[in-house]
PDB file of N, CA and C in Angstrom:
ATOM      1  N   MET A   1    -118.077  -3.033 -63.670  1.00  0.00           N
ATOM      2  CA  MET A   1    -117.383  -2.518 -63.005  1.00  0.00           C
ATOM      3  C   MET A   1    -116.185  -1.570 -63.282  1.00  0.00           C
ATOM      4  N   LYS A   2    -116.664  -0.433 -62.675  1.00  0.00           N
ATOM      5  CA  LYS A   2    -115.679   0.635 -63.752  1.00  0.00           C
ATOM      6  C   LYS A   2    -114.372   1.469 -62.993  1.00  0.00           C
ATOM      7  N   GLY A   3    -113.808   1.261 -62.969  1.00  0.00           N
ATOM      8  CA  GLY A   3    -112.232   2.312 -62.160  1.00  0.00           C
ATOM      9  C   GLY A   3    -110.770   1.889 -62.908  1.00  0.00           C
ATOM     10  N   ASP A   4    -110.129   2.338 -62.364  1.00  0.00           N
ATOM     11  CA  ASP A   4    -108.439   3.125 -63.334  1.00  0.00           C
ATOM     12  C   ASP A   4    -107.054   2.479 -62.070  1.00  0.00           C
ATOM     13  N   PHE A   5    -106.409   1.791 -62.586  1.00  0.00           N
ATOM     14  CA  PHE A   5    -105.364   2.035 -61.482  1.00  0.00           C
ATOM     15  C   PHE A   5    -103.759   2.350 -61.900  1.00  0.00           C
ATOM     16  N   SER A   6    -104.116   3.949 -60.842  1.00  0.00           N
ATOM     17  CA  SER A   6    -102.949   4.312 -61.748  1.00  0.00           C
ATOM     18  C   SER A   6    -101.540   3.772 -61.524  1.00  0.00           C
ATOM     19  N   LEU A   7    -100.674   3.236 -62.754  1.00  0.00           N
ATOM     20  CA  LEU A   7     -99.495   3.024 -62.230  1.00  0.00           C
ATOM     21  C   LEU A   7     -98.321   3.893 -62.934  1.00  0.00           C
ATOM     22  N   ASN A   8     -98.858   5.154 -62.761  1.00  0.00           N
ATOM     23  CA  ASN A   8     -98.046   6.147 -63.236  1.00  0.00           C
ATOM     24  C   ASN A   8     -97.024   6.757 -62.277  1.00  0.00           C
ATOM     25  N   GLY A   9     -96.716   5.919 -60.850  1.00  0.00           N
ATOM     26  CA  GLY A   9     -96.841   6.296 -59.599  1.00  0.00           C
ATOM     27  C   GLY A   9     -96.877   7.519 -58.769  1.00  0.00           C
ATOM     28  N   TYR A  10     -96.130   8.305 -57.315  1.00  0.00           N
ATOM     29  CA  TYR A  10     -96.803   8.649 -56.926  1.00  0.00           C
ATOM     30  C   TYR A  10     -96.393  10.355 -57.437  1.00  0.00           C
ATOM     31  N   GLU A  11     -97.211  11.382 -57.586  1.00  0.00           N
ATOM     32  CA  GLU A  11     -96.822  12.524 -57.770  1.00  0.00           C
ATOM     33  C   GLU A  11     -97.171  13.004 -55.815  1.00  0.00           C
ATOM     34  N   GLU A  12     -96.018  14.449 -56.299  1.00  0.00           N
ATOM     35  CA  GLU A  12     -96.037  15.385 -54.600  1.00  0.00           C
ATOM     36  C   GLU A  12     -96.990  15.951 -55.048  1.00  0.00           C
ATOM     37  N   ILE A  13     -97.675  16.913 -54.053  1.00  0.00           N
ATOM     38  CA  ILE A  13     -98.596  17.709 -54.148  1.00  0.00           C
ATOM     39  C   ILE A  13     -98.203  18.624 -53.474  1.00  0.00           C
ATOM     40  N   VAL A  14     -98.318  18.524 -52.131  1.00  0.00           N
ATOM     41  CA  VAL A  14     -97.174  19.052 -51.283  1.00  0.00           C
ATOM     42  C   VAL A  14     -96.310  18.834 -50.949  1.00  0.00           C
ATOM     43  N   GLU A  15     -95.002  19.728 -50.116  1.00  0.00           N
ATOM     44  CA  GLU A  15     -93.962  19.081 -49.788  1.00  0.00           C
ATOM     45  C   GLU A  15     -93.852  17.813 -48.461  1.00  0.00           C
ATOM     46  N   GLY A  16     -94.514  16.459 -49.049  1.00  0.00           N
ATOM     47  CA  GLY A  16     -93.855  15.763 -47.866  1.00  0.00           C
ATOM     48  C   GLY A  16     -95.288  15.130 -47.707  1.00  0.00           C
ATOM     49  N   VAL A  17     -95.929  14.805 -49.121  1.00  0.00           N
ATOM     50  CA  VAL A  17     -97.507  14.372 -49.414  1.00  0.00           C
ATOM     51  C   VAL A  17     -97.260  14.495 -50.867  1.00  0.00           C
ATOM     52  N   LYS A  18     -97.317  12.325 -51.131  1.00  0.00           N
ATOM     53  CA  LYS A  18     -97.698  11.835 -52.137  1.00  0.00           C
ATOM     54  C   LYS A  18     -99.036  11.410 -52.723  1.00  0.00           C
ATOM     55  N   ILE A  19     -99.436  11.232 -54.124  1.00  0.00           N
ATOM     56  CA  ILE A  19    -101.382  10.943 -53.990  1.00  0.00           C
ATOM     57  C   ILE A  19    -100.577  10.036 -55.338  1.00  0.00           C
ATOM     58  N   LYS A  20    -101.396   9.227 -55.404  1.00  0.00           N
ATOM     59  CA  LYS A  20    -101.814   7.600 -56.638  1.00  0.00           C
ATOM     60  C   LYS A  20    -103.165   7.740 -56.479  1.00  0.00           C
ATOM     61  N   THR A  21    -103.679   8.358 -57.803  1.00  0.00           N
ATOM     62  CA  THR A  21    -105.240   7.642 -57.857  1.00  0.00           C
ATOM     63  C   THR A  21    -105.259   6.043 -58.411  1.00  0.00           C
ATOM     64  N   LEU A  22    -105.793   5.184 -56.718  1.00  0.00           N
ATOM     65  CA  LEU A  22    -105.977   3.737 -57.537  1.00  0.00           C
ATOM     66  C   LEU A  22    -106.885   3.400 -57.897  1.00  0.00           C
ATOM     67  N   SER A  23    -108.382   4.532 -57.603  1.00  0.00           N
ATOM     68  CA  SER A  23    -109.805   3.889 -58.788  1.00  0.00           C
ATOM     69  C   SER A  23    -110.493   5.294 -58.770  1.00  0.00           C
ATOM     70  N   LYS A  24    -111.441   5.185 -59.353  1.00  0.00           N
ATOM     71  CA  LYS A  24    -112.296   6.139 -60.027  1.00  0.00           C
ATOM     72  C   LYS A  24    -112.983   5.751 -60.373  1.00  0.00           C
ATOM     73  N   ASP A  25    -114.685   6.810 -60.605  1.00  0.00           N
ATOM     74  CA  ASP A  25    -115.642   6.846 -61.245  1.00  0.00           C
ATOM     75  C   ASP A  25    -116.520   8.516 -61.137  1.00  0.00           C
ATOM     76  N   ASP A  26    -117.724   7.635 -61.308  1.00  0.00           N
ATOM     77  CA  ASP A  26    -118.719   9.628 -61.285  1.00  0.00           C
ATOM     78  C   ASP A  26    -119.316   8.835 -60.327  1.00  0.00           C
ATOM     79  N   ALA A  27    -118.704   8.260 -59.088  1.00  0.00           N
ATOM     80  CA  ALA A  27    -119.145   8.778 -58.086  1.00  0.00           C
ATOM     81  C   ALA A  27    -118.321   8.506 -56.709  1.00  0.00           C
ATOM     82  N   MET A  28    -116.935   8.238 -56.623  1.00  0.00           N
ATOM     83  CA  MET A  28    -115.961   8.558 -55.292  1.00  0.00           C
ATOM     84  C   MET A  28    -115.064   8.242 -56.394  1.00  0.00           C
ATOM     85  N   VAL A  29    -113.803   8.467 -55.362  1.00  0.00           N
ATOM     86  CA  VAL A  29    -112.120   8.115 -55.998  1.00  0.00           C
ATOM     87  C   VAL A  29    -111.409   7.683 -54.486  1.00  0.00           C
ATOM     88  N   MET A  30    -110.704   6.699 -55.151  1.00  0.00           N
ATOM     89  CA  MET A  30    -110.154   6.318 -53.647  1.00  0.00           C
ATOM     90  C   MET A  30    -108.531   6.396 -54.439  1.00  0.00           C
ATOM     91  N   SER A  31    -107.946   6.667 -52.942  1.00  0.00           N
ATOM     92  CA  SER A  31    -106.458   7.179 -53.758  1.00  0.00           C
ATOM     93  C   SER A  31    -105.421   6.658 -52.317  1.00  0.00           C
ATOM     94  N   GLN A  32    -104.448   6.635 -52.801  1.00  0.00           N
ATOM     95  CA  GLN A  32    -102.897   6.064 -52.072  1.00  0.00           C
ATOM     96  C   GLN A  32    -101.955   7.391 -51.633  1.00  0.00           C
ATOM     97  N   PHE A  33    -101.588   7.556 -49.876  1.00  0.00           N
ATOM     98  CA  PHE A  33    -101.374   8.645 -49.996  1.00  0.00           C
ATOM     99  C   PHE A  33     -99.813   8.092 -48.909  1.00  0.00           C
ATOM    100  N   VAL A  34     -99.157   8.741 -48.967  1.00  0.00           N
ATOM    101  CA  VAL A  34     -97.727   8.833 -48.514  1.00  0.00           C
ATOM    102  C   VAL A  34     -97.489  10.218 -48.019  1.00  0.00           C
ATOM    103  N   LEU A  35     -97.298   9.510 -46.974  1.00  0.00           N
ATOM    104  CA  LEU A  35     -96.919  10.923 -45.743  1.00  0.00           C
ATOM    105  C   LEU A  35     -96.164  10.978 -44.659  1.00  0.00           C
ATOM    106  N   LYS A  36     -94.832  12.117 -44.922  1.00  0.00           N
ATOM    107  CA  LYS A  36     -93.692  12.242 -44.048  1.00  0.00           C
ATOM    108  C   LYS A  36     -94.131  12.445 -43.051  1.00  0.00           C
ATOM    109  N   LYS A  37     -93.264  12.025 -41.603  1.00  0.00           N
ATOM    110  CA  LYS A  37     -92.957  11.910 -40.484  1.00  0.00           C
ATOM    111  C   LYS A  37     -93.060  13.830 -40.839  1.00  0.00           C
ATOM    112  N   GLY A  38     -93.917  14.249 -39.107  1.00  0.00           N
ATOM    113  CA  GLY A  38     -93.254  16.332 -39.345  1.00  0.00           C
ATOM    114  C   GLY A  38     -94.466  16.549 -39.832  1.00  0.00           C
ATOM    115  N   VAL A  39     -95.309  16.306 -41.386  1.00  0.00           N
ATOM    116  CA  VAL A  39     -96.195  16.887 -42.133  1.00  0.00           C
ATOM    117  C   VAL A  39     -97.504  17.467 -41.645  1.00  0.00           C
ATOM    118  N   CYS A  40     -97.635  17.833 -40.901  1.00  0.00           N
ATOM    119  CA  CYS A  40     -99.326  18.814 -41.022  1.00  0.00           C
ATOM    120  C   CYS A  40     -99.780  19.372 -42.291  1.00  0.00           C
ATOM    121  N   LEU A  41    -100.885  18.594 -42.206  1.00  0.00           N
ATOM    122  CA  LEU A  41    -102.099  19.010 -43.062  1.00  0.00           C
ATOM    123  C   LEU A  41    -102.864  19.999 -42.213  1.00  0.00           C
ATOM    124  N   PRO A  42    -103.122  21.112 -43.584  1.00  0.00           N
ATOM    125  CA  PRO A  42    -104.058  22.493 -42.775  1.00  0.00           C
ATOM    126  C   PRO A  42    -105.127  22.036 -42.484  1.00  0.00           C
ATOM    127  N   LEU A  43    -105.737  23.115 -41.676  1.00  0.00           N
ATOM    128  CA  LEU A  43    -107.316  22.927 -41.918  1.00  0.00           C
ATOM    129  C   LEU A  43    -107.724  23.356 -42.144  1.00  0.00           C
ATOM    130  N   HIS A  44    -109.071  22.434 -42.979  1.00  0.00           N
ATOM    131  CA  HIS A  44    -109.813  22.637 -44.120  1.00  0.00           C
ATOM    132  C   HIS A  44    -110.826  21.450 -43.650  1.00  0.00           C
ATOM    133  N   SER A  45    -112.027  21.997 -45.318  1.00  0.00           N
ATOM    134  CA  SER A  45    -112.791  20.966 -45.328  1.00  0.00           C
ATOM    135  C   SER A  45    -113.478  21.092 -46.446  1.00  0.00           C
ATOM    136  N   HIS A  46    -114.420  19.994 -46.865  1.00  0.00           N
ATOM    137  CA  HIS A  46    -115.235  19.743 -48.532  1.00  0.00           C
ATOM    138  C   HIS A  46    -115.840  19.235 -48.517  1.00  0.00           C
ATOM    139  N   PRO A  47    -116.413  19.529 -49.531  1.00  0.00           N
ATOM    140  CA  PRO A  47    -118.332  18.761 -49.722  1.00  0.00           C
ATOM    141  C   PRO A  47    -118.101  17.364 -49.790  1.00  0.00           C
ATOM    142  N   ASN A  48    -117.437  16.521 -49.904  1.00  0.00           N
ATOM    143  CA  ASN A  48    -117.040  15.486 -50.036  1.00  0.00           C
ATOM    144  C   ASN A  48    -116.927  14.679 -48.364  1.00  0.00           C
ATOM    145  N   VAL A  49    -117.611  13.240 -48.758  1.00  0.00           N
ATOM    146  CA  VAL A  49    -117.187  12.145 -47.881  1.00  0.00           C
ATOM    147  C   VAL A  49    -115.970  12.362 -47.598  1.00  0.00           C
ATOM    148  N   GLN A  50    -115.612  11.266 -46.570  1.00  0.00           N
ATOM    149  CA  GLN A  50    -113.840  10.964 -46.651  1.00  0.00           C
ATOM    150  C   GLN A  50    -113.604   9.895 -45.938  1.00  0.00           C
ATOM    151  N   SER A  51    -113.029   8.631 -46.267  1.00  0.00           N
ATOM    152  CA  SER A  51    -112.969   7.484 -45.318  1.00  0.00           C
ATOM    153  C   SER A  51    -112.171   7.137 -45.588  1.00  0.00           C
ATOM    154  N   GLY A  52    -111.121   6.686 -44.295  1.00  0.00           N
ATOM    155  CA  GLY A  52    -109.821   6.346 -44.827  1.00  0.00           C
ATOM    156  C   GLY A  52    -109.297   4.650 -43.770  1.00  0.00           C
ATOM    157  N   TYR A  53    -107.929   4.513 -44.342  1.00  0.00           N
ATOM    158  CA  TYR A  53    -107.972   3.196 -43.775  1.00  0.00           C
ATOM    159  C   TYR A  53    -106.147   3.306 -43.305  1.00  0.00           C
ATOM    160  N   LEU A  54    -105.786   3.573 -42.148  1.00  0.00           N
ATOM    161  CA  LEU A  54    -104.222   3.873 -42.326  1.00  0.00           C
ATOM    162  C   LEU A  54    -103.569   2.016 -42.432  1.00  0.00           C
ATOM    163  N   LEU A  55    -102.481   2.202 -43.433  1.00  0.00           N
ATOM    164  CA  LEU A  55    -101.625   1.252 -43.627  1.00  0.00           C
ATOM    165  C   LEU A  55    -100.751   1.370 -43.104  1.00  0.00           C
ATOM    166  N   LYS A  56    -100.213   2.123 -42.970  1.00  0.00           N
ATOM    167  CA  LYS A  56     -98.367   2.425 -41.797  1.00  0.00           C
ATOM    168  C   LYS A  56     -98.239   3.234 -41.256  1.00  0.00           C
ATOM    169  N   GLY A  57     -97.790   3.099 -40.053  1.00  0.00           N
ATOM    170  CA  GLY A  57     -97.179   4.600 -39.667  1.00  0.00           C
ATOM    171  C   GLY A  57     -98.470   5.173 -38.825  1.00  0.00           C
ATOM    172  N   ARG A  58     -98.685   6.278 -38.736  1.00  0.00           N
ATOM    173  CA  ARG A  58     -98.923   6.833 -36.790  1.00  0.00           C
ATOM    174  C   ARG A  58     -99.203   8.338 -37.572  1.00  0.00           C
ATOM    175  N   ILE A  59    -100.782   9.247 -37.460  1.00  0.00           N
ATOM    176  CA  ILE A  59    -101.149   9.789 -37.620  1.00  0.00           C
ATOM    177  C   ILE A  59    -101.815  10.457 -36.678  1.00  0.00           C
ATOM    178  N   ARG A  60    -102.010  11.675 -36.020  1.00  0.00           N
ATOM    179  CA  ARG A  60    -102.676  12.551 -35.315  1.00  0.00           C
ATOM    180  C   ARG A  60    -104.157  13.178 -35.606  1.00  0.00           C
ATOM    181  N   LEU A  61    -105.156  13.016 -36.018  1.00  0.00           N
ATOM    182  CA  LEU A  61    -106.178  13.522 -36.446  1.00  0.00           C
ATOM    183  C   LEU A  61    -107.176  14.605 -35.721  1.00  0.00           C
ATOM    184  N   PHE A  62    -107.734  15.940 -36.663  1.00  0.00           N
ATOM    185  CA  PHE A  62    -107.977  16.184 -35.465  1.00  0.00           C
ATOM    186  C   PHE A  62    -109.517  16.631 -36.074  1.00  0.00           C
ATOM    187  N   ILE A  63    -110.876  16.195 -36.049  1.00  0.00           N
ATOM    188  CA  ILE A  63    -112.093  16.460 -36.596  1.00  0.00           C
ATOM    189  C   ILE A  63    -112.743  17.549 -35.461  1.00  0.00           C
ATOM    190  N   ASN A  64    -112.903  18.915 -36.093  1.00  0.00           N
ATOM    191  CA  ASN A  64    -114.063  19.447 -34.956  1.00  0.00           C
ATOM    192  C   ASN A  64    -113.340  19.337 -33.700  1.00  0.00           C
ATOM    193  N   ASP A  65    -113.456  19.195 -32.600  1.00  0.00           N
ATOM    194  CA  ASP A  65    -113.229  18.994 -31.029  1.00  0.00           C
ATOM    195  C   ASP A  65    -112.674  17.826 -30.904  1.00  0.00           C
ATOM    196  N   GLU A  66    -112.370  16.492 -31.829  1.00  0.00           N
ATOM    197  CA  GLU A  66    -112.580  15.326 -31.396  1.00  0.00           C
ATOM    198  C   GLU A  66    -111.296  15.027 -32.250  1.00  0.00           C
ATOM    199  N   VAL A  67    -110.197  14.090 -31.202  1.00  0.00           N
ATOM    200  CA  VAL A  67    -108.614  13.980 -31.382  1.00  0.00           C
ATOM    201  C   VAL A  67    -108.443  12.801 -31.608  1.00  0.00           C
ATOM    202  N   ARG A  68    -107.680  12.405 -32.581  1.00  0.00           N
ATOM    203  CA  ARG A  68    -107.778  10.868 -32.396  1.00  0.00           C
ATOM    204  C   ARG A  68    -106.335  10.232 -33.118  1.00  0.00           C
ATOM    205  N   GLU A  69    -105.349   9.473 -32.209  1.00  0.00           N
ATOM    206  CA  GLU A  69    -104.743   8.579 -33.086  1.00  0.00           C
ATOM    207  C   GLU A  69    -105.171   8.084 -33.469  1.00  0.00           C
ATOM    208  N   LEU A  70    -103.764   7.638 -34.956  1.00  0.00           N
ATOM    209  CA  LEU A  70    -104.356   6.728 -35.537  1.00  0.00           C
ATOM    210  C   LEU A  70    -103.212   6.140 -35.510  1.00  0.00           C
ATOM    211  N   LEU A  71    -103.059   4.189 -36.212  1.00  0.00           N
ATOM    212  CA  LEU A  71    -102.192   3.353 -35.856  1.00  0.00           C
ATOM    213  C   LEU A  71    -102.900   2.422 -37.292  1.00  0.00           C
ATOM    214  N   PRO A  72    -101.734   1.715 -37.594  1.00  0.00           N
ATOM    215  CA  PRO A  72    -101.768   0.893 -38.662  1.00  0.00           C
ATOM    216  C   PRO A  72    -103.348   0.706 -38.358  1.00  0.00           C
ATOM    217  N   GLY A  73    -104.213   0.029 -39.499  1.00  0.00           N
ATOM    218  CA  GLY A  73    -105.460  -0.532 -38.793  1.00  0.00           C
ATOM    219  C   GLY A  73    -106.601   0.254 -38.704  1.00  0.00           C
ATOM    220  N   SER A  74    -106.404   1.739 -38.380  1.00  0.00           N
ATOM    221  CA  SER A  74    -107.636   2.576 -38.338  1.00  0.00           C
ATOM    222  C   SER A  74    -108.546   2.554 -38.907  1.00  0.00           C
ATOM    223  N   THR A  75    -109.297   3.435 -38.848  1.00  0.00           N
ATOM    224  CA  THR A  75    -110.201   3.809 -40.057  1.00  0.00           C
ATOM    225  C   THR A  75    -110.807   4.833 -39.681  1.00  0.00           C
ATOM    226  N   TRP A  76    -111.726   6.007 -39.978  1.00  0.00           N
ATOM    227  CA  TRP A  76    -111.880   7.311 -40.347  1.00  0.00           C
ATOM    228  C   TRP A  76    -113.231   7.271 -41.444  1.00  0.00           C
ATOM    229  N   CYS A  77    -114.197   8.254 -40.643  1.00  0.00           N
ATOM    230  CA  CYS A  77    -115.301   8.529 -42.023  1.00  0.00           C
ATOM    231  C   CYS A  77    -114.887  10.067 -41.188  1.00  0.00           C
ATOM    232  N   ILE A  78    -114.747  10.917 -41.916  1.00  0.00           N
ATOM    233  CA  ILE A  78    -115.356  11.979 -41.981  1.00  0.00           C
ATOM    234  C   ILE A  78    -116.541  12.942 -42.428  1.00  0.00           C
ATOM    235  N   GLN A  79    -117.756  13.749 -42.264  1.00  0.00           N
ATOM    236  CA  GLN A  79    -118.510  14.017 -43.108  1.00  0.00           C
ATOM    237  C   GLN A  79    -118.208  15.570 -43.662  1.00  0.00           C
ATOM    238  N   ASN A  80    -119.081  15.649 -44.945  1.00  0.00           N
ATOM    239  CA  ASN A  80    -118.964  16.627 -45.557  1.00  0.00           C
ATOM    240  C   ASN A  80    -118.609  17.886 -44.566  1.00  0.00           C
ATOM    241  N   ASP A  81    -118.083  18.868 -44.938  1.00  0.00           N
ATOM    242  CA  ASP A  81    -118.037  20.014 -44.327  1.00  0.00           C
ATOM    243  C   ASP A  81    -117.624  20.418 -43.655  1.00  0.00           C
ATOM    244  N   LEU A  82    -116.934  19.161 -42.797  1.00  0.00           N
ATOM    245  CA  LEU A  82    -116.763  19.275 -41.658  1.00  0.00           C
ATOM    246  C   LEU A  82    -114.940  19.844 -40.719  1.00  0.00           C
ATOM    247  N   LYS A  83    -114.668  20.648 -40.397  1.00  0.00           N
ATOM    248  CA  LYS A  83    -113.133  21.329 -40.463  1.00  0.00           C
ATOM    249  C   LYS A  83    -112.303  20.364 -39.474  1.00  0.00           C
ATOM    250  N   HIS A  84    -111.196  19.795 -40.293  1.00  0.00           N
ATOM    251  CA  HIS A  84    -110.814  18.899 -39.934  1.00  0.00           C
ATOM    252  C   HIS A  84    -108.902  19.172 -40.199  1.00  0.00           C
ATOM    253  N   TRP A  85    -107.965  18.422 -39.387  1.00  0.00           N
ATOM    254  CA  TRP A  85    -106.817  18.581 -39.886  1.00  0.00           C
ATOM    255  C   TRP A  85    -105.436  17.190 -39.519  1.00  0.00           C
ATOM    256  N   ALA A  86    -104.499  17.224 -39.829  1.00  0.00           N
ATOM    257  CA  ALA A  86    -103.896  16.021 -39.158  1.00  0.00           C
ATOM    258  C   ALA A  86    -102.553  16.378 -38.754  1.00  0.00           C
ATOM    259  N   GLU A  87    -101.807  15.625 -38.205  1.00  0.00           N
ATOM    260  CA  GLU A  87    -100.151  15.589 -37.334  1.00  0.00           C
ATOM    261  C   GLU A  87    -100.125  14.461 -37.823  1.00  0.00           C
ATOM    262  N   VAL A  88     -98.463  14.355 -38.534  1.00  0.00           N
ATOM    263  CA  VAL A  88     -98.346  13.100 -39.486  1.00  0.00           C
ATOM    264  C   VAL A  88     -97.072  12.918 -38.337  1.00  0.00           C
ATOM    265  N   LEU A  89     -96.636  12.099 -37.196  1.00  0.00           N
ATOM    266  CA  LEU A  89     -96.375  11.497 -36.583  1.00  0.00           C
ATOM    267  C   LEU A  89     -95.324  10.388 -37.006  1.00  0.00           C
ATOM    268  N   GLU A  90     -95.478   9.636 -37.505  1.00  0.00           N
ATOM    269  CA  GLU A  90     -94.281   8.723 -38.183  1.00  0.00           C
ATOM    270  C   GLU A  90     -94.680   8.958 -40.029  1.00  0.00           C
ATOM    271  N   ASP A  91     -93.724   7.922 -40.408  1.00  0.00           N
ATOM    272  CA  ASP A  91     -93.831   7.701 -41.921  1.00  0.00           C
ATOM    273  C   ASP A  91     -94.831   7.003 -41.889  1.00  0.00           C
ATOM    274  N   SER A  92     -95.989   7.290 -42.702  1.00  0.00           N
ATOM    275  CA  SER A  92     -97.826   6.696 -42.993  1.00  0.00           C
ATOM    276  C   SER A  92     -97.954   6.565 -44.427  1.00  0.00           C
ATOM    277  N   VAL A  93     -98.634   5.943 -44.663  1.00  0.00           N
ATOM    278  CA  VAL A  93     -99.465   5.212 -45.925  1.00  0.00           C
ATOM    279  C   VAL A  93    -100.959   5.022 -45.648  1.00  0.00           C
ATOM    280  N   ALA A  94    -101.525   5.822 -46.578  1.00  0.00           N
ATOM    281  CA  ALA A  94    -102.933   5.961 -45.760  1.00  0.00           C
ATOM    282  C   ALA A  94    -103.403   5.434 -47.367  1.00  0.00           C
ATOM    283  N   ILE A  95    -105.290   5.018 -47.161  1.00  0.00           N
ATOM    284  CA  ILE A  95    -105.635   5.001 -48.453  1.00  0.00           C
ATOM    285  C   ILE A  95    -107.332   5.803 -48.020  1.00  0.00           C
ATOM    286  N   GLU A  96    -107.595   6.361 -48.723  1.00  0.00           N
ATOM    287  CA  GLU A  96    -108.659   7.661 -48.619  1.00  0.00           C
ATOM    288  C   GLU A  96    -109.988   7.288 -49.669  1.00  0.00           C
ATOM    289  N   VAL A  97    -110.587   7.133 -49.397  1.00  0.00           N
ATOM    290  CA  VAL A  97    -112.504   7.380 -50.612  1.00  0.00           C
ATOM    291  C   VAL A  97    -113.027   8.248 -50.492  1.00  0.00           C
ATOM    292  N   PHE A  98    -113.210   9.503 -51.717  1.00  0.00           N
ATOM    293  CA  PHE A  98    -113.888  10.489 -51.606  1.00  0.00           C
ATOM    294  C   PHE A  98    -114.959  10.341 -52.333  1.00  0.00           C
ATOM    295  N   HIS A  99    -116.466  10.424 -51.773  1.00  0.00           N
ATOM    296  CA  HIS A  99    -117.420  10.575 -52.458  1.00  0.00           C
ATOM    297  C   HIS A  99    -118.263  11.756 -52.180  1.00  0.00           C
ATOM    298  N   PRO A 100    -119.275  12.410 -53.156  1.00  0.00           N
ATOM    299  CA  PRO A 100    -118.655  12.224 -54.704  1.00  0.00           C
ATOM    300  C   PRO A 100    -117.268  12.486 -54.749  1.00  0.00           C
ATOM    301  N   ALA A 101    -116.733  11.976 -55.965  1.00  0.00           N
ATOM    302  CA  ALA A 101    -115.014  12.101 -56.482  1.00  0.00           C
ATOM    303  C   ALA A 101    -114.892  13.363 -56.068  1.00  0.00           C
ATOM    304  N   LYS A 102    -113.475  13.296 -55.896  1.00  0.00           N
ATOM    305  CA  LYS A 102    -113.181  14.598 -55.680  1.00  0.00           C
ATOM    306  C   LYS A 102    -112.615  15.191 -56.755  1.00  0.00           C
ATOM    307  N   GLU A 103    -113.067  15.895 -57.827  1.00  0.00           N
ATOM    308  CA  GLU A 103    -112.486  16.143 -58.669  1.00  0.00           C
ATOM    309  C   GLU A 103    -110.716  16.763 -58.906  1.00  0.00           C
ATOM    310  N   SER A 104    -110.737  18.053 -58.180  1.00  0.00           N
ATOM    311  CA  SER A 104    -109.217  17.511 -57.576  1.00  0.00           C
ATOM    312  C   SER A 104    -108.167  16.833 -57.980  1.00  0.00           C
ATOM    313  N   TYR A 105    -108.407  15.385 -57.585  1.00  0.00           N
ATOM    314  CA  TYR A 105    -107.849  14.785 -57.175  1.00  0.00           C
ATOM    315  C   TYR A 105    -107.657  13.495 -58.971  1.00  0.00           C
ATOM    316  N   SER A 106    -108.725  14.160 -59.682  1.00  0.00           N
ATOM    317  CA  SER A 106    -108.498  13.324 -61.415  1.00  0.00           C
ATOM    318  C   SER A 106    -107.276  13.451 -62.218  1.00  0.00           C
ATOM    319  N   SER A 107    -106.020  13.998 -62.141  1.00  0.00           N
ATOM    320  CA  SER A 107    -105.607  14.324 -62.504  1.00  0.00           C
ATOM    321  C   SER A 107    -104.352  13.259 -61.818  1.00  0.00           C
ATOM    322  N   TYR A 108    -104.534  12.781 -61.379  1.00  0.00           N
ATOM    323  CA  TYR A 108    -103.914  11.267 -60.692  1.00  0.00           C
ATOM    324  C   TYR A 108    -103.914  10.393 -60.935  1.00  0.00           C
ATOM    325  N   GLU A 109    -105.025  10.330 -62.058  1.00  0.00           N
ATOM    326  CA  GLU A 109    -105.262   9.331 -62.537  1.00  0.00           C
ATOM    327  C   GLU A 109    -105.255   8.536 -64.117  1.00  0.00           C
ATOM    328  N   TYR A 110    -104.854   7.484 -63.941  1.00  0.00           N
ATOM    329  CA  TYR A 110    -104.446   6.291 -64.906  1.00  0.00           C
ATOM    330  C   TYR A 110    -104.280   6.607 -66.689  1.00  0.00           C
ATOM    331  N   ASP A 111    -103.623   7.208 -67.100  1.00  0.00           N
ATOM    332  CA  ASP A 111    -103.970   7.372 -68.615  1.00  0.00           C
ATOM    333  C   ASP A 111    -103.230   5.775 -69.311  1.00  0.00           C
ATOM    334  N   VAL A 112    -104.434   6.385 -70.085  1.00  0.00           N
ATOM    335  CA  VAL A 112    -104.564   4.490 -70.539  1.00  0.00           C
ATOM    336  C   VAL A 112    -103.885   4.654 -71.803  1.00  0.00           C
ATOM    337  N   ALA A 113    -103.277   5.271 -72.491  1.00  0.00           N
ATOM    338  CA  ALA A 113    -102.336   5.612 -73.945  1.00  0.00           C
ATOM    339  C   ALA A 113    -100.743   4.777 -73.237  1.00  0.00           C
ATOM    340  N   LEU A 114    -100.339   5.355 -72.160  1.00  0.00           N
ATOM    341  CA  LEU A 114     -99.313   4.837 -71.129  1.00  0.00           C
ATOM    342  C   LEU A 114     -99.552   2.993 -71.131  1.00  0.00           C
ATOM    343  N   GLU A 115    -100.404   2.560 -70.829  1.00  0.00           N
ATOM    344  CA  GLU A 115    -100.848   1.013 -70.976  1.00  0.00           C
ATOM    345  C   GLU A 115    -100.563   1.065 -72.638  1.00  0.00           C
ATOM    346  N   GLU A 116    -100.902   0.730 -72.899  1.00  0.00           N
ATOM    347  CA  GLU A 116    -100.872   0.863 -74.864  1.00  0.00           C
ATOM    348  C   GLU A 116     -99.423   0.066 -74.738  1.00  0.00           C
ATOM    349  N   ASN A 117     -98.605   1.549 -74.557  1.00  0.00           N
ATOM    350  CA  ASN A 117     -96.764   1.366 -74.774  1.00  0.00           C
ATOM    351  C   ASN A 117     -96.138   0.966 -73.854  1.00  0.00           C
ATOM    352  N   THR A 118     -96.869   0.142 -73.240  1.00  0.00           N
ATOM    353  CA  THR A 118     -96.131  -0.715 -72.377  1.00  0.00           C
ATOM    354  C   THR A 118     -95.975  -1.916 -71.923  1.00  0.00           C
TER     355      THR A 118
END
């Protein structure tokens, strides 16, 4: 089994959205997101399949013409290249898995050298 857990804490990637990589290998990346109430994640698509699980909060997710209100325990799967966006209705925490690994999230990966010095 290969994977790395980030002990570096969260990094804010846009205002109101923080990320921490939980595990990553060549095939997937799993990240935890902390989202502030009022944030709107813009309309976008990507070549990765995106699956998620909402741990806390409330989010309204728009995928093509479908709208879903997500509550704790809700899951979703967005196929590659589908346009989607979201409104964060309450402070939220979500876990998302991207397959194949979303390379832009690699920079939030755990630094092994840091572990050796702690």
